[in-house]
C-alpha atoms as a PDB file:
ATOM      1  CA  MET A   1      20.251  40.575 -17.926  1.00  0.00           C
ATOM      2  CA  SER A   2      18.536  38.100 -15.813  1.00  0.00           C
ATOM      3  CA  GLU A   3      15.312  36.521 -17.255  1.00  0.00           C
ATOM      4  CA  LYS A   4      13.551  37.735 -14.027  1.00  0.00           C
ATOM      5  CA  HIS A   5      14.565  41.600 -15.011  1.00  0.00           C
ATOM      6  CA  GLU A   6      13.783  41.038 -18.615  1.00  0.00           C
ATOM      7  CA  GLN A   7      10.251  39.809 -17.261  1.00  0.00           C
ATOM      8  CA  ALA A   8      10.106  42.776 -15.008  1.00  0.00           C
ATOM      9  CA  GLU A   9      10.706  45.327 -17.837  1.00  0.00           C
ATOM     10  CA  GLN A  10       8.455  43.646 -20.276  1.00  0.00           C
ATOM     11  CA  MET A  11       5.395  43.750 -17.430  1.00  0.00           C
ATOM     12  CA  VAL A  12       5.776  47.457 -17.253  1.00  0.00           C
ATOM     13  CA  GLU A  13       5.938  48.216 -20.731  1.00  0.00           C
ATOM     14  CA  ASP A  14       2.780  46.134 -20.996  1.00  0.00           C
ATOM     15  CA  ILE A  15       1.453  48.305 -18.779  1.00  0.00           C
ATOM     16  CA  LEU A  16       2.180  51.131 -20.112  1.00  0.00           C
ATOM     17  CA  GLY A  17       2.388  50.594 -23.939  1.00  0.00           C
ATOM     18  CA  GLU A  18       4.416  52.621 -26.418  1.00  0.00           C
ATOM     19  CA  GLU A  19       4.073  55.572 -24.017  1.00  0.00           C
ATOM     20  CA  ALA A  20       6.807  53.875 -21.606  1.00  0.00           C
ATOM     21  CA  ILE A  21       9.795  55.964 -23.483  1.00  0.00           C
ATOM     22  CA  VAL A  22      10.645  58.977 -21.851  1.00  0.00           C
ATOM     23  CA  ARG A  23      10.684  61.394 -24.771  1.00  0.00           C
ATOM     24  CA  ILE A  24      12.761  64.179 -24.017  1.00  0.00           C
ATOM     25  CA  SER A  25      14.211  66.073 -27.439  1.00  0.00           C
ATOM     26  CA  SER A  26      17.670  65.548 -28.502  1.00  0.00           C
ATOM     27  CA  ASN A  27      19.920  67.294 -30.678  1.00  0.00           C
ATOM     28  CA  SER A  28      18.663  65.119 -33.488  1.00  0.00           C
ATOM     29  CA  PHE A  29      14.821  66.532 -32.915  1.00  0.00           C
ATOM     30  CA  ARG A  30      13.150  68.226 -35.537  1.00  0.00           C
ATOM     31  CA  PRO A  31      10.523  69.967 -34.508  1.00  0.00           C
ATOM     32  CA  GLU A  32       8.540  69.270 -38.114  1.00  0.00           C
ATOM     33  CA  VAL A  33       7.929  66.148 -37.542  1.00  0.00           C
ATOM     34  CA  SER A  34       4.533  64.671 -36.566  1.00  0.00           C
ATOM     35  CA  GLN A  35       3.731  63.237 -33.151  1.00  0.00           C
ATOM     36  CA  ALA A  36       2.296  60.326 -34.489  1.00  0.00           C
ATOM     37  CA  VAL A  37       6.190  59.787 -36.063  1.00  0.00           C
ATOM     38  CA  ILE A  38       7.783  60.171 -32.535  1.00  0.00           C
ATOM     39  CA  LYS A  39       5.506  57.868 -31.036  1.00  0.00           C
ATOM     40  CA  ARG A  40       6.444  55.066 -33.113  1.00  0.00           C
ATOM     41  CA  LEU A  41      10.408  55.534 -32.697  1.00  0.00           C
ATOM     42  CA  PRO A  42      10.465  53.588 -29.245  1.00  0.00           C
ATOM     43  CA  ARG A  43       8.925  50.917 -30.958  1.00  0.00           C
ATOM     44  CA  TYR A  44      11.823  50.805 -33.983  1.00  0.00           C
ATOM     45  CA  PHE A  45      14.021  50.815 -30.415  1.00  0.00           C
ATOM     46  CA  ARG A  46      12.995  48.223 -29.460  1.00  0.00           C
ATOM     47  CA  TYR A  47      12.718  45.729 -32.234  1.00  0.00           C
ATOM     48  CA  LEU A  48      16.186  46.640 -33.454  1.00  0.00           C
ATOM     49  CA  ARG A  49      17.353  45.660 -30.168  1.00  0.00           C
ATOM     50  CA  GLU A  50      15.729  42.361 -30.435  1.00  0.00           C
ATOM     51  CA  ILE A  51      17.315  42.439 -33.941  1.00  0.00           C
ATOM     52  CA  ILE A  52      20.667  42.985 -32.586  1.00  0.00           C
ATOM     53  CA  ARG A  53      20.362  39.968 -30.237  1.00  0.00           C
ATOM     54  CA  MET A  54      19.400  37.559 -33.452  1.00  0.00           C
ATOM     55  CA  GLY A  55      22.740  38.516 -34.521  1.00  0.00           C
ATOM     56  CA  LYS A  56      21.356  39.910 -37.590  1.00  0.00           C
ATOM     57  CA  THR A  57      23.407  42.771 -39.168  1.00  0.00           C
ATOM     58  CA  ARG A  58      20.980  44.424 -41.513  1.00  0.00           C
ATOM     59  CA  VAL A  59      17.330  44.373 -42.294  1.00  0.00           C
ATOM     60  CA  SER A  60      14.620  45.787 -44.682  1.00  0.00           C
ATOM     61  CA  SER A  61      11.712  47.626 -44.655  1.00  0.00           C
ATOM     62  CA  ALA A  62       9.938  44.875 -45.221  1.00  0.00           C
ATOM     63  CA  GLU A  63      11.225  42.623 -42.788  1.00  0.00           C
ATOM     64  CA  LEU A  64      10.455  45.406 -39.880  1.00  0.00           C
ATOM     65  CA  SER A  65       6.987  45.728 -41.546  1.00  0.00           C
ATOM     66  CA  ARG A  66       6.255  42.185 -40.685  1.00  0.00           C
ATOM     67  CA  MET A  67       7.970  41.847 -36.792  1.00  0.00           C
ATOM     68  CA  MET A  68       6.341  45.770 -36.333  1.00  0.00           C
ATOM     69  CA  ASN A  69       2.879  45.437 -38.087  1.00  0.00           C
ATOM     70  CA  VAL A  70       3.572  48.456 -39.850  1.00  0.00           C
ATOM     71  CA  THR A  71       3.754  49.018 -43.749  1.00  0.00           C
ATOM     72  CA  ALA A  72       7.096  48.937 -45.007  1.00  0.00           C
ATOM     73  CA  SER A  73       6.441  52.430 -46.952  1.00  0.00           C
ATOM     74  CA  GLN A  74       5.106  53.777 -43.523  1.00  0.00           C
ATOM     75  CA  ILE A  75       8.421  52.692 -42.198  1.00  0.00           C
ATOM     76  CA  ARG A  76      10.435  54.265 -44.911  1.00  0.00           C
ATOM     77  CA  GLN A  77       8.297  57.519 -44.346  1.00  0.00           C
ATOM     78  CA  ASP A  78       8.879  57.267 -40.867  1.00  0.00           C
ATOM     79  CA  LEU A  79      13.008  57.015 -41.341  1.00  0.00           C
ATOM     80  CA  ASN A  80      13.550  59.299 -44.127  1.00  0.00           C
ATOM     81  CA  CYS A  81      12.030  62.468 -41.186  1.00  0.00           C
ATOM     82  CA  PHE A  82      15.752  62.219 -40.123  1.00  0.00           C
ATOM     83  CA  GLY A  83      17.490  61.133 -43.044  1.00  0.00           C
ATOM     84  CA  GLY A  84      16.437  58.097 -44.423  1.00  0.00           C
ATOM     85  CA  PHE A  85      19.566  55.731 -43.199  1.00  0.00           C
ATOM     86  CA  GLY A  86      18.938  53.122 -45.550  1.00  0.00           C
ATOM     87  CA  GLN A  87      20.264  51.962 -48.956  1.00  0.00           C
ATOM     88  CA  GLN A  88      18.183  50.856 -51.968  1.00  0.00           C
ATOM     89  CA  GLY A  89      18.982  47.083 -52.401  1.00  0.00           C
ATOM     90  CA  TYR A  90      20.585  46.757 -48.920  1.00  0.00           C
ATOM     91  CA  GLY A  91      18.099  47.652 -46.351  1.00  0.00           C
ATOM     92  CA  TYR A  92      19.473  48.888 -43.128  1.00  0.00           C
ATOM     93  CA  ASN A  93      22.763  48.660 -41.576  1.00  0.00           C
ATOM     94  CA  VAL A  94      20.703  47.354 -37.954  1.00  0.00           C
ATOM     95  CA  ASN A  95      23.709  48.775 -35.603  1.00  0.00           C
ATOM     96  CA  TYR A  96      23.615  51.999 -37.077  1.00  0.00           C
ATOM     97  CA  LEU A  97      20.105  52.249 -37.486  1.00  0.00           C
ATOM     98  CA  TYR A  98      20.050  51.635 -33.596  1.00  0.00           C
ATOM     99  CA  THR A  99      22.515  54.104 -33.162  1.00  0.00           C
ATOM    100  CA  LYS A 100      20.735  56.884 -34.854  1.00  0.00           C
ATOM    101  CA  ILE A 101      17.423  55.849 -33.187  1.00  0.00           C
ATOM    102  CA  CYS A 102      19.045  56.128 -29.680  1.00  0.00           C
ATOM    103  CA  GLU A 103      20.760  58.973 -30.663  1.00  0.00           C
ATOM    104  CA  ILE A 104      17.085  60.574 -31.789  1.00  0.00           C
ATOM    105  CA  LEU A 105      15.500  59.183 -28.857  1.00  0.00           C
ATOM    106  CA  GLY A 106      18.436  60.894 -26.524  1.00  0.00           C
ATOM    107  CA  VAL A 107      19.097  57.862 -25.159  1.00  0.00           C
ATOM    108  CA  GLY A 108      23.014  59.059 -24.723  1.00  0.00           C
ATOM    109  CA  CYS A 109      22.154  62.495 -23.386  1.00  0.00           C
ATOM    110  CA  GLY A 110      23.130  61.129 -19.910  1.00  0.00           C
ATOM    111  CA  PHE A 111      19.769  61.852 -18.253  1.00  0.00           C
ATOM    112  CA  ARG A 112      19.257  61.645 -14.848  1.00  0.00           C
ATOM    113  CA  ALA A 113      15.975  61.165 -13.069  1.00  0.00           C
ATOM    114  CA  ALA A 114      14.250  61.200  -9.689  1.00  0.00           C
ATOM    115  CA  VAL A 115      10.947  59.642  -8.364  1.00  0.00           C
ATOM    116  CA  ILE A 116       8.527  61.491  -6.631  1.00  0.00           C
ATOM    117  CA  GLY A 117       6.216  59.097  -4.441  1.00  0.00           C
ATOM    118  CA  ALA A 118       7.511  55.701  -3.536  1.00  0.00           C
ATOM    119  CA  GLY A 119       4.286  53.663  -3.403  1.00  0.00           C
ATOM    120  CA  ASN A 120       3.886  50.500  -5.358  1.00  0.00           C
ATOM    121  CA  LEU A 121       4.122  52.134  -8.536  1.00  0.00           C
ATOM    122  CA  GLY A 122       7.024  54.148  -7.874  1.00  0.00           C
ATOM    123  CA  THR A 123       8.944  51.091  -6.369  1.00  0.00           C
ATOM    124  CA  ALA A 124       8.073  48.796  -9.790  1.00  0.00           C
ATOM    125  CA  LEU A 125       9.212  51.564 -11.786  1.00  0.00           C
ATOM    126  CA  VAL A 126      12.564  51.984  -9.994  1.00  0.00           C
ATOM    127  CA  ARG A 127      13.203  48.727  -9.934  1.00  0.00           C
ATOM    128  CA  SER A 128      12.603  48.235 -13.380  1.00  0.00           C
ATOM    129  CA  PRO A 129      15.877  47.479 -15.349  1.00  0.00           C
ATOM    130  CA  MET A 130      13.819  49.767 -18.252  1.00  0.00           C
ATOM    131  CA  PHE A 131      15.676  53.272 -17.276  1.00  0.00           C
ATOM    132  CA  GLU A 132      19.522  51.491 -17.338  1.00  0.00           C
ATOM    133  CA  LYS A 133      18.446  50.168 -21.178  1.00  0.00           C
ATOM    134  CA  ARG A 134      17.117  53.364 -22.145  1.00  0.00           C
ATOM    135  CA  GLY A 135      20.383  55.369 -20.948  1.00  0.00           C
ATOM    136  CA  VAL A 136      18.300  56.930 -17.870  1.00  0.00           C
ATOM    137  CA  ASP A 137      19.869  56.957 -14.298  1.00  0.00           C
ATOM    138  CA  VAL A 138      17.438  57.099 -11.496  1.00  0.00           C
ATOM    139  CA  VAL A 139      19.547  58.654  -8.526  1.00  0.00           C
ATOM    140  CA  ALA A 140      16.703  59.722  -6.085  1.00  0.00           C
ATOM    141  CA  MET A 141      13.284  58.814  -4.772  1.00  0.00           C
ATOM    142  CA  PHE A 142      11.133  61.390  -2.666  1.00  0.00           C
ATOM    143  CA  ASP A 143       8.583  60.438  -0.004  1.00  0.00           C
ATOM    144  CA  VAL A 144       6.745  62.267   3.119  1.00  0.00           C
ATOM    145  CA  SER A 145       6.480  58.621   4.684  1.00  0.00           C
ATOM    146  CA  GLU A 146       8.783  57.888   7.651  1.00  0.00           C
ATOM    147  CA  ASP A 147       8.320  54.305   6.752  1.00  0.00           C
ATOM    148  CA  VAL A 148      10.388  54.699   3.351  1.00  0.00           C
ATOM    149  CA  VAL A 149      12.663  57.796   3.857  1.00  0.00           C
ATOM    150  CA  GLY A 150      15.948  56.788   4.561  1.00  0.00           C
ATOM    151  CA  LYS A 151      15.893  53.739   3.073  1.00  0.00           C
ATOM    152  CA  VAL A 152      17.337  52.288  -0.245  1.00  0.00           C
ATOM    153  CA  ILE A 153      14.823  50.882  -2.966  1.00  0.00           C
ATOM    154  CA  GLY A 154      16.260  49.073  -5.996  1.00  0.00           C
ATOM    155  CA  ASN A 155      19.949  50.636  -5.303  1.00  0.00           C
ATOM    156  CA  VAL A 156      17.959  54.417  -5.214  1.00  0.00           C
ATOM    157  CA  ASN A 157      18.227  56.161  -1.760  1.00  0.00           C
ATOM    158  CA  VAL A 158      14.471  58.054  -0.469  1.00  0.00           C
ATOM    159  CA  TYR A 159      14.754  61.041   0.334  1.00  0.00           C
ATOM    160  CA  HIS A 160      11.782  63.223   2.382  1.00  0.00           C
ATOM    161  CA  LEU A 161       9.900  65.649   0.005  1.00  0.00           C
ATOM    162  CA  ASP A 162      11.469  68.649   2.155  1.00  0.00           C
ATOM    163  CA  GLU A 163      14.931  67.818   0.592  1.00  0.00           C
ATOM    164  CA  LEU A 164      13.121  68.091  -3.109  1.00  0.00           C
ATOM    165  CA  GLU A 165      14.639  71.383  -4.474  1.00  0.00           C
ATOM    166  CA  GLU A 166      17.940  71.152  -3.042  1.00  0.00           C
ATOM    167  CA  LYS A 167      18.200  67.192  -3.842  1.00  0.00           C
ATOM    168  CA  LEU A 168      17.447  68.031  -7.735  1.00  0.00           C
ATOM    169  CA  CYS A 169      19.724  70.753  -7.925  1.00  0.00           C
ATOM    170  CA  GLU A 170      22.283  68.337  -6.213  1.00  0.00           C
ATOM    171  CA  PHE A 171      21.829  65.690  -8.314  1.00  0.00           C
ATOM    172  CA  GLY A 172      21.744  67.658 -11.419  1.00  0.00           C
ATOM    173  CA  VAL A 173      18.341  66.263 -12.289  1.00  0.00           C
ATOM    174  CA  ASN A 174      16.532  66.441 -15.753  1.00  0.00           C
ATOM    175  CA  ILE A 175      13.496  64.259 -15.348  1.00  0.00           C
ATOM    176  CA  VAL A 176      10.867  64.028 -12.509  1.00  0.00           C
ATOM    177  CA  ILE A 177       8.616  61.067 -12.448  1.00  0.00           C
ATOM    178  CA  LEU A 178       5.481  61.865 -10.722  1.00  0.00           C
ATOM    179  CA  THR A 179       3.651  58.702  -8.551  1.00  0.00           C
ATOM    180  CA  LEU A 180       2.537  60.230  -5.922  1.00  0.00           C
ATOM    181  CA  PRO A 181      -1.301  60.697  -5.425  1.00  0.00           C
ATOM    182  CA  LYS A 182      -2.952  62.978  -7.411  1.00  0.00           C
ATOM    183  CA  GLU A 183      -4.324  65.647  -5.117  1.00  0.00           C
ATOM    184  CA  PHE A 184      -0.737  66.742  -3.957  1.00  0.00           C
ATOM    185  CA  ALA A 185       0.424  66.865  -7.773  1.00  0.00           C
ATOM    186  CA  PRO A 186      -0.078  70.743  -8.487  1.00  0.00           C
ATOM    187  CA  GLU A 187       1.554  71.498  -5.022  1.00  0.00           C
ATOM    188  CA  VAL A 188       4.262  69.394  -6.155  1.00  0.00           C
ATOM    189  CA  ALA A 189       4.403  70.410  -9.887  1.00  0.00           C
ATOM    190  CA  ALA A 190       5.109  74.320  -8.733  1.00  0.00           C
ATOM    191  CA  ARG A 191       7.779  73.610  -6.803  1.00  0.00           C
ATOM    192  CA  LEU A 192       9.348  72.166  -9.721  1.00  0.00           C
ATOM    193  CA  GLY A 193       9.748  75.669 -11.851  1.00  0.00           C
ATOM    194  CA  ASN A 194      12.836  76.687 -10.900  1.00  0.00           C
ATOM    195  CA  THR A 195      14.760  73.747  -9.793  1.00  0.00           C
ATOM    196  CA  GLY A 196      16.328  72.934 -13.498  1.00  0.00           C
ATOM    197  CA  ILE A 197      14.573  70.123 -14.274  1.00  0.00           C
ATOM    198  CA  ARG A 198      13.744  69.433 -18.484  1.00  0.00           C
ATOM    199  CA  GLY A 199      11.136  67.132 -18.536  1.00  0.00           C
ATOM    200  CA  VAL A 200       8.209  65.067 -16.263  1.00  0.00           C
ATOM    201  CA  TRP A 201       6.736  61.887 -16.682  1.00  0.00           C
ATOM    202  CA  ASN A 202       2.979  62.209 -15.076  1.00  0.00           C
ATOM    203  CA  PHE A 203       1.720  58.985 -14.151  1.00  0.00           C
ATOM    204  CA  THR A 204      -1.146  60.533 -11.183  1.00  0.00           C
ATOM    205  CA  GLY A 205      -3.945  60.771 -13.170  1.00  0.00           C
ATOM    206  CA  LYS A 206      -4.044  64.931 -12.967  1.00  0.00           C
ATOM    207  CA  GLU A 207      -2.888  67.209 -15.859  1.00  0.00           C
ATOM    208  CA  ILE A 208      -0.200  69.584 -14.572  1.00  0.00           C
ATOM    209  CA  GLU A 209       1.577  72.655 -15.560  1.00  0.00           C
ATOM    210  CA  ILE A 210       5.354  74.302 -14.742  1.00  0.00           C
ATOM    211  CA  GLU A 211       5.426  77.889 -14.594  1.00  0.00           C
ATOM    212  CA  GLY A 212       7.765  79.199 -17.563  1.00  0.00           C
ATOM    213  CA  GLY A 213       6.456  76.617 -20.571  1.00  0.00           C
ATOM    214  CA  GLN A 214      10.261  75.402 -20.838  1.00  0.00           C
ATOM    215  CA  VAL A 215       9.637  71.640 -19.200  1.00  0.00           C
ATOM    216  CA  VAL A 216       8.133  69.008 -21.321  1.00  0.00           C
ATOM    217  CA  ILE A 217       5.528  67.365 -19.962  1.00  0.00           C
ATOM    218  CA  GLU A 218       4.260  63.350 -20.644  1.00  0.00           C
ATOM    219  CA  ASN A 219       0.691  62.735 -19.008  1.00  0.00           C
ATOM    220  CA  VAL A 220       0.474  58.876 -18.604  1.00  0.00           C
ATOM    221  CA  HIS A 221      -3.273  57.692 -18.316  1.00  0.00           C
ATOM    222  CA  ILE A 222      -2.831  53.605 -17.429  1.00  0.00           C
ATOM    223  CA  GLY A 223      -6.716  54.025 -17.174  1.00  0.00           C
ATOM    224  CA  ASP A 224      -7.361  55.320 -20.651  1.00  0.00           C
ATOM    225  CA  SER A 225      -5.394  52.442 -21.814  1.00  0.00           C
ATOM    226  CA  LEU A 226      -7.454  50.201 -20.007  1.00  0.00           C
ATOM    227  CA  MET A 227     -10.450  51.696 -21.260  1.00  0.00           C
ATOM    228  CA  THR A 228      -9.195  51.152 -24.500  1.00  0.00           C
ATOM    229  CA  LEU A 229      -9.038  47.530 -24.309  1.00  0.00           C
ATOM    230  CA  CYS A 230     -12.418  47.455 -22.935  1.00  0.00           C
ATOM    231  CA  TYR A 231     -13.787  48.830 -25.579  1.00  0.00           C
ATOM    232  CA  GLU A 232     -11.748  46.450 -27.950  1.00  0.00           C
ATOM    233  CA  VAL A 233     -12.899  43.585 -26.471  1.00  0.00           C
ATOM    234  CA  ALA A 234     -16.434  44.488 -26.051  1.00  0.00           C
ATOM    235  CA  GLN A 235     -16.650  45.396 -29.598  1.00  0.00           C
ATOM    236  CA  LYS A 236     -15.344  41.781 -30.695  1.00  0.00           C
ATOM    237  CA  MET A 237     -17.944  40.387 -27.883  1.00  0.00           C
ATOM    238  CA  TYR A 238     -20.658  42.277 -29.826  1.00  0.00           C
ATOM    239  CA  SER A 239     -19.228  41.251 -33.265  1.00  0.00           C
ATOM    240  CA  ASP A 240     -19.485  37.427 -32.161  1.00  0.00           C
ATOM    241  CA  GLU A 241     -22.867  37.546 -30.777  1.00  0.00           C
ATOM    242  CA  GLU A 242     -24.214  38.943 -34.299  1.00  0.00           C
ATOM    243  CA  LYS A 243     -22.241  36.302 -36.013  1.00  0.00           C
ATOM    244  CA  ASP A 244     -24.319  33.532 -33.854  1.00  0.00           C
ATOM    245  CA  LYS A 245     -27.611  34.717 -34.418  1.00  0.00           C
END
């Protein structure tokens, strides 16, 4: 993987935060596990991958705690939700734990994705190596602009939106990624109900529903993350001003 690709992936993840993982249930998913635990799993995935790159074969909960800024107790509790995977006095076998986290996150399920909206965000996502590293194969893009329909972006063909249902079925798409203008989101969502997809990663900024209730919808509001950052920065500034008085 080139340094350029690594930087591109990190840029996307920095923008999207921990929600950058598409969380579709695998056979290892347990419904009683809290959403808070599930949302931490992508961090384990990411940090374990870094540990593997470092050439380490085992890691303790204390070491993971220092890296992730999460208590060792919390790490043990999280992993115990799925069977533990560790051994007292030894820690965790890094490759084994990484493999299990991949299974839980559905990395090996062979998910196939399609992006609807070939604008700036859709193009940036398709060109990121993020999908490949997480076992998701982007097989198609859709748009209505004649400027992009028929072209290839990041090795992915762009089809006209009129072909949506046909191509989703033809390619066996499991996950749809919405990066189109929000005013068109409800109309497109209504067309997805009978296509056999299992999940939607929604970047439109508009909450959507898909008839039948069988499709997992992950709504990503990038602006919310920015506002959270602004709040934290403002609080820090106010605190510093109070200290200077």
